[in-house]
């Protein structure tokens, strides 16, 4: 169906990463459910912010992140991911 992970980074922040939905199941709001559950989980664990890295080519994903409150911020170099060209953050 789908997968998502919250991974701590060296700045004591957590990164929303590895979010994906099976191609055949897309369009069924599974991504929204994964993201909503991840945000609830993070809040319940007392996390204050989440960051994510993505590609602007993934327009549907970027739209979903914005819909849930993620805001784009400058992407520092060196970038931890070769294909990422956008960094986003949400304050929980």
Foldseek 3Di string as FASTA:
>chain_A
DWDWDWDADPVRATEIDDTDDPPVPPPVCPSVVVVVVVVVVCVVVVHFKYKYFDAVVPVVVVVSCVVVPWDWDDQDPPHPDPRTDTMTMHTD
